[in-house]
Amino acid sequence: MTISSTLTERDRRHLRRCVDLAHEALDAGDEPFGSILVDQDGEERFADRNRVAGGDHTRHPEFEIARWAATHLTPAQRALATVYTSGEHCPMCAAAHAWVGLGRIVYASSSAQLSQWYRDWGIPPGPVAPLPVNTVAPAVAVAGPDAELSAEVRGLHARLRGVE
């Protein structure tokens, strides 16, 4: 599947909500990530933010979306849904997304951007390789990043890490 950087105004509106959830996560003492699930009609069906501060590092919003969708949506509804997220899915979340058959992913900032920011700040990488979604889930359509919102996400991560 090809990555597209072309985002619609509707995409940006939903991404704005994700970045707001990332702010909420950071304000609550967590890592700044937020995601929403939007159905084929453009209605938000589920929203969450990172909840890893308690020690369970699988509590990513994208993983929670996959769990919720598997329980509450039909396979056809899942395939037509879009997941919007402040940061590109990690490999765990990309796999969960593909396994439950969710549709398109749209992200404000990419894993490559986050990795570069951390390198620039001298922060060591995490325990899982930051693979692009399509390396893990090649059939999933993805779009992003958004230049304006990714700059805002960068600022959130800088605040988290106490840099800049």
C-alpha atoms as a PDB file:
ATOM      1  CA  MET A   1       0.000   0.000   0.000  1.00  0.00           C
ATOM      2  CA  THR A   2       1.263   3.487  -0.734  1.00  0.00           C
ATOM      3  CA  ILE A   3       1.605   6.213   1.836  1.00  0.00           C
ATOM      4  CA  SER A   4      -0.150   9.425   0.888  1.00  0.00           C
ATOM      5  CA  SER A   5       0.679  12.804   2.317  1.00  0.00           C
ATOM      6  CA  THR A   6      -2.521  14.253   0.866  1.00  0.00           C
ATOM      7  CA  LEU A   7      -4.906  15.047   3.686  1.00  0.00           C
ATOM      8  CA  THR A   8      -8.395  16.499   3.389  1.00  0.00           C
ATOM      9  CA  GLU A   9      -9.874  19.175   5.617  1.00  0.00           C
ATOM     10  CA  ARG A  10     -11.951  16.414   7.213  1.00  0.00           C
ATOM     11  CA  ASP A  11      -8.729  14.487   7.932  1.00  0.00           C
ATOM     12  CA  ARG A  12      -7.161  17.562   9.521  1.00  0.00           C
ATOM     13  CA  ARG A  13     -10.238  18.183  11.669  1.00  0.00           C
ATOM     14  CA  HIS A  14     -10.069  14.642  13.040  1.00  0.00           C
ATOM     15  CA  LEU A  15      -6.302  14.879  13.494  1.00  0.00           C
ATOM     16  CA  ARG A  16      -6.820  18.087  15.488  1.00  0.00           C
ATOM     17  CA  ARG A  17      -8.967  16.061  17.902  1.00  0.00           C
ATOM     18  CA  CYS A  18      -6.155  13.493  18.215  1.00  0.00           C
ATOM     19  CA  VAL A  19      -3.577  16.147  19.014  1.00  0.00           C
ATOM     20  CA  ASP A  20      -5.972  17.566  21.623  1.00  0.00           C
ATOM     21  CA  LEU A  21      -6.144  14.076  23.171  1.00  0.00           C
ATOM     22  CA  ALA A  22      -2.324  13.959  23.121  1.00  0.00           C
ATOM     23  CA  HIS A  23      -2.301  17.250  25.066  1.00  0.00           C
ATOM     24  CA  GLU A  24      -4.758  15.692  27.518  1.00  0.00           C
ATOM     25  CA  ALA A  25      -2.495  12.653  27.947  1.00  0.00           C
ATOM     26  CA  LEU A  26       0.558  14.796  28.616  1.00  0.00           C
ATOM     27  CA  ASP A  27      -1.353  16.989  31.062  1.00  0.00           C
ATOM     28  CA  ALA A  28      -2.356  13.788  32.906  1.00  0.00           C
ATOM     29  CA  GLY A  29       1.301  12.719  33.202  1.00  0.00           C
ATOM     30  CA  ASP A  30       1.303  10.303  30.301  1.00  0.00           C
ATOM     31  CA  GLU A  31       3.014  10.129  26.923  1.00  0.00           C
ATOM     32  CA  PRO A  32       1.405  12.471  24.362  1.00  0.00           C
ATOM     33  CA  PHE A  33      -0.579  10.249  22.026  1.00  0.00           C
ATOM     34  CA  GLY A  34      -4.270  10.390  21.144  1.00  0.00           C
ATOM     35  CA  SER A  35      -6.405   8.528  18.611  1.00  0.00           C
ATOM     36  CA  ILE A  36      -9.981   8.296  17.392  1.00  0.00           C
ATOM     37  CA  LEU A  37     -11.995   5.820  15.346  1.00  0.00           C
ATOM     38  CA  VAL A  38     -14.280   7.394  12.744  1.00  0.00           C
ATOM     39  CA  ASP A  39     -16.951   5.464  10.877  1.00  0.00           C
ATOM     40  CA  GLN A  40     -17.667   5.652   7.151  1.00  0.00           C
ATOM     41  CA  ASP A  41     -20.104   8.543   7.748  1.00  0.00           C
ATOM     42  CA  GLY A  42     -17.445  10.653   9.496  1.00  0.00           C
ATOM     43  CA  GLU A  43     -18.812  10.103  13.002  1.00  0.00           C
ATOM     44  CA  GLU A  44     -16.418   9.567  15.875  1.00  0.00           C
ATOM     45  CA  ARG A  45     -17.145   6.162  17.395  1.00  0.00           C
ATOM     46  CA  PHE A  46     -14.332   5.790  19.952  1.00  0.00           C
ATOM     47  CA  ALA A  47     -11.554   7.993  21.319  1.00  0.00           C
ATOM     48  CA  ASP A  48      -8.699   7.406  23.725  1.00  0.00           C
ATOM     49  CA  ARG A  49      -5.293   8.664  24.764  1.00  0.00           C
ATOM     50  CA  ASN A  50      -2.140   6.976  25.949  1.00  0.00           C
ATOM     51  CA  ARG A  51      -2.452   5.358  29.388  1.00  0.00           C
ATOM     52  CA  VAL A  52       0.998   3.817  29.821  1.00  0.00           C
ATOM     53  CA  ALA A  53       2.046   5.869  32.860  1.00  0.00           C
ATOM     54  CA  GLY A  54       0.763   3.133  35.174  1.00  0.00           C
ATOM     55  CA  GLY A  55       3.364   0.704  33.814  1.00  0.00           C
ATOM     56  CA  ASP A  56       1.372  -1.234  31.196  1.00  0.00           C
ATOM     57  CA  HIS A  57       3.061  -0.130  27.986  1.00  0.00           C
ATOM     58  CA  THR A  58       0.419  -1.843  25.832  1.00  0.00           C
ATOM     59  CA  ARG A  59      -2.159   0.804  26.802  1.00  0.00           C
ATOM     60  CA  HIS A  60      -1.832   2.681  23.517  1.00  0.00           C
ATOM     61  CA  PRO A  61      -5.007   4.326  22.180  1.00  0.00           C
ATOM     62  CA  GLU A  62      -4.636   2.605  18.801  1.00  0.00           C
ATOM     63  CA  PHE A  63      -4.576  -0.802  20.500  1.00  0.00           C
ATOM     64  CA  GLU A  64      -7.660   0.135  22.534  1.00  0.00           C
ATOM     65  CA  ILE A  65      -9.402   1.169  19.302  1.00  0.00           C
ATOM     66  CA  ALA A  66      -8.682  -2.231  17.756  1.00  0.00           C
ATOM     67  CA  ARG A  67     -10.082  -4.000  20.835  1.00  0.00           C
ATOM     68  CA  TRP A  68     -13.170  -1.803  20.914  1.00  0.00           C
ATOM     69  CA  ALA A  69     -13.808  -2.192  17.181  1.00  0.00           C
ATOM     70  CA  ALA A  70     -13.497  -5.973  17.333  1.00  0.00           C
ATOM     71  CA  THR A  71     -16.228  -6.051  19.960  1.00  0.00           C
ATOM     72  CA  HIS A  72     -18.572  -3.329  18.717  1.00  0.00           C
ATOM     73  CA  LEU A  73     -18.356  -3.212  14.911  1.00  0.00           C
ATOM     74  CA  THR A  74     -19.025  -5.726  12.186  1.00  0.00           C
ATOM     75  CA  PRO A  75     -16.151  -6.712   9.893  1.00  0.00           C
ATOM     76  CA  ALA A  76     -17.683  -4.542   7.142  1.00  0.00           C
ATOM     77  CA  GLN A  77     -17.946  -1.528   9.439  1.00  0.00           C
ATOM     78  CA  ARG A  78     -14.340  -1.995  10.584  1.00  0.00           C
ATOM     79  CA  ALA A  79     -13.080  -2.139   7.007  1.00  0.00           C
ATOM     80  CA  LEU A  80     -14.771   1.175   6.179  1.00  0.00           C
ATOM     81  CA  ALA A  81     -13.626   2.964   9.344  1.00  0.00           C
ATOM     82  CA  THR A  82     -10.616   5.260   9.627  1.00  0.00           C
ATOM     83  CA  VAL A  83      -8.261   5.527  12.588  1.00  0.00           C
ATOM     84  CA  TYR A  84      -6.857   8.994  13.140  1.00  0.00           C
ATOM     85  CA  THR A  85      -3.890   9.348  15.436  1.00  0.00           C
ATOM     86  CA  SER A  86      -1.423  11.937  16.654  1.00  0.00           C
ATOM     87  CA  GLY A  87       1.473   9.560  15.974  1.00  0.00           C
ATOM     88  CA  GLU A  88       1.899   6.728  13.500  1.00  0.00           C
ATOM     89  CA  HIS A  89       1.057   3.311  14.950  1.00  0.00           C
ATOM     90  CA  CYS A  90       3.842   1.320  16.592  1.00  0.00           C
ATOM     91  CA  PRO A  91       4.292  -2.279  15.327  1.00  0.00           C
ATOM     92  CA  MET A  92       2.047  -3.681  18.099  1.00  0.00           C
ATOM     93  CA  CYS A  93      -0.782  -1.313  17.205  1.00  0.00           C
ATOM     94  CA  ALA A  94      -0.315  -1.737  13.442  1.00  0.00           C
ATOM     95  CA  ALA A  95      -0.618  -5.506  13.867  1.00  0.00           C
ATOM     96  CA  ALA A  96      -3.754  -5.168  16.012  1.00  0.00           C
ATOM     97  CA  HIS A  97      -5.237  -2.793  13.431  1.00  0.00           C
ATOM     98  CA  ALA A  98      -4.611  -5.271  10.613  1.00  0.00           C
ATOM     99  CA  TRP A  99      -5.761  -8.321  12.571  1.00  0.00           C
ATOM    100  CA  VAL A 100      -9.193  -6.817  13.336  1.00  0.00           C
ATOM    101  CA  GLY A 101      -9.553  -5.546   9.776  1.00  0.00           C
ATOM    102  CA  LEU A 102      -9.726  -1.814  10.322  1.00  0.00           C
ATOM    103  CA  GLY A 103      -9.497   0.513   7.325  1.00  0.00           C
ATOM    104  CA  ARG A 104      -7.326   3.544   6.663  1.00  0.00           C
ATOM    105  CA  ILE A 105      -4.869   5.106   9.139  1.00  0.00           C
ATOM    106  CA  VAL A 106      -4.202   8.849   9.118  1.00  0.00           C
ATOM    107  CA  TYR A 107      -1.458  10.244  11.363  1.00  0.00           C
ATOM    108  CA  ALA A 108      -0.289  13.725  12.308  1.00  0.00           C
ATOM    109  CA  SER A 109       3.341  12.683  12.853  1.00  0.00           C
ATOM    110  CA  SER A 110       5.278   9.667  11.644  1.00  0.00           C
ATOM    111  CA  SER A 111       7.395   7.135  13.501  1.00  0.00           C
ATOM    112  CA  ALA A 112      10.371   8.330  11.457  1.00  0.00           C
ATOM    113  CA  GLN A 113       9.816  11.881  12.688  1.00  0.00           C
ATOM    114  CA  LEU A 114       9.540  10.773  16.311  1.00  0.00           C
ATOM    115  CA  SER A 115      12.696   8.686  16.001  1.00  0.00           C
ATOM    116  CA  GLN A 116      14.561  11.639  14.498  1.00  0.00           C
ATOM    117  CA  TRP A 117      13.384  14.006  17.228  1.00  0.00           C
ATOM    118  CA  TYR A 118      14.598  11.600  19.889  1.00  0.00           C
ATOM    119  CA  ARG A 119      17.957  11.182  18.139  1.00  0.00           C
ATOM    120  CA  ASP A 120      18.299  14.962  17.926  1.00  0.00           C
ATOM    121  CA  TRP A 121      17.621  15.210  21.659  1.00  0.00           C
ATOM    122  CA  GLY A 122      20.011  12.390  22.553  1.00  0.00           C
ATOM    123  CA  ILE A 123      17.223  10.128  23.803  1.00  0.00           C
ATOM    124  CA  PRO A 124      17.857   6.405  23.267  1.00  0.00           C
ATOM    125  CA  PRO A 125      15.327   4.419  21.234  1.00  0.00           C
ATOM    126  CA  GLY A 126      12.649   2.367  22.939  1.00  0.00           C
ATOM    127  CA  PRO A 127      12.592  -1.435  23.149  1.00  0.00           C
ATOM    128  CA  VAL A 128      10.570  -1.918  19.926  1.00  0.00           C
ATOM    129  CA  ALA A 129      11.775  -0.961  16.453  1.00  0.00           C
ATOM    130  CA  PRO A 130       9.818   2.030  15.078  1.00  0.00           C
ATOM    131  CA  LEU A 131       8.687   0.341  11.877  1.00  0.00           C
ATOM    132  CA  PRO A 132       6.354   2.099   9.439  1.00  0.00           C
ATOM    133  CA  VAL A 133       2.768   0.795   9.479  1.00  0.00           C
ATOM    134  CA  ASN A 134       3.106  -0.705   6.003  1.00  0.00           C
ATOM    135  CA  THR A 135       6.124  -2.766   7.020  1.00  0.00           C
ATOM    136  CA  VAL A 136       3.924  -4.502   9.600  1.00  0.00           C
ATOM    137  CA  ALA A 137       0.568  -4.266   7.810  1.00  0.00           C
ATOM    138  CA  PRO A 138       1.280  -3.868   4.083  1.00  0.00           C
ATOM    139  CA  ALA A 139      -2.356  -3.811   2.955  1.00  0.00           C
ATOM    140  CA  VAL A 140      -3.438  -0.917   5.203  1.00  0.00           C
ATOM    141  CA  ALA A 141      -3.884   2.455   3.493  1.00  0.00           C
ATOM    142  CA  VAL A 142      -2.057   5.202   5.374  1.00  0.00           C
ATOM    143  CA  ALA A 143      -1.838   8.978   5.078  1.00  0.00           C
ATOM    144  CA  GLY A 144       0.333  11.505   6.835  1.00  0.00           C
ATOM    145  CA  PRO A 145       2.144  13.255   8.298  1.00  0.00           C
ATOM    146  CA  ASP A 146       0.692  16.754   8.515  1.00  0.00           C
ATOM    147  CA  ALA A 147       3.395  19.450   8.637  1.00  0.00           C
ATOM    148  CA  GLU A 148       1.581  21.835  10.978  1.00  0.00           C
ATOM    149  CA  LEU A 149       0.248  19.255  13.405  1.00  0.00           C
ATOM    150  CA  SER A 150       3.481  17.259  13.459  1.00  0.00           C
ATOM    151  CA  ALA A 151       5.286  20.406  14.634  1.00  0.00           C
ATOM    152  CA  GLU A 152       2.794  20.650  17.489  1.00  0.00           C
ATOM    153  CA  VAL A 153       3.270  16.963  18.321  1.00  0.00           C
ATOM    154  CA  ARG A 154       7.036  17.554  18.346  1.00  0.00           C
ATOM    155  CA  GLY A 155       6.477  20.269  20.941  1.00  0.00           C
ATOM    156  CA  LEU A 156       4.492  17.870  23.121  1.00  0.00           C
ATOM    157  CA  HIS A 157       7.288  15.286  23.027  1.00  0.00           C
ATOM    158  CA  ALA A 158       9.862  17.994  23.753  1.00  0.00           C
ATOM    159  CA  ARG A 159       7.813  19.009  26.818  1.00  0.00           C
ATOM    160  CA  LEU A 160       7.567  15.366  27.926  1.00  0.00           C
ATOM    161  CA  ARG A 161      11.335  14.922  27.670  1.00  0.00           C
ATOM    162  CA  GLY A 162      12.221  18.337  29.099  1.00  0.00           C
ATOM    163  CA  VAL A 163      14.127  19.469  26.019  1.00  0.00           C
ATOM    164  CA  GLU A 164      14.125  22.700  23.991  1.00  0.00           C
END
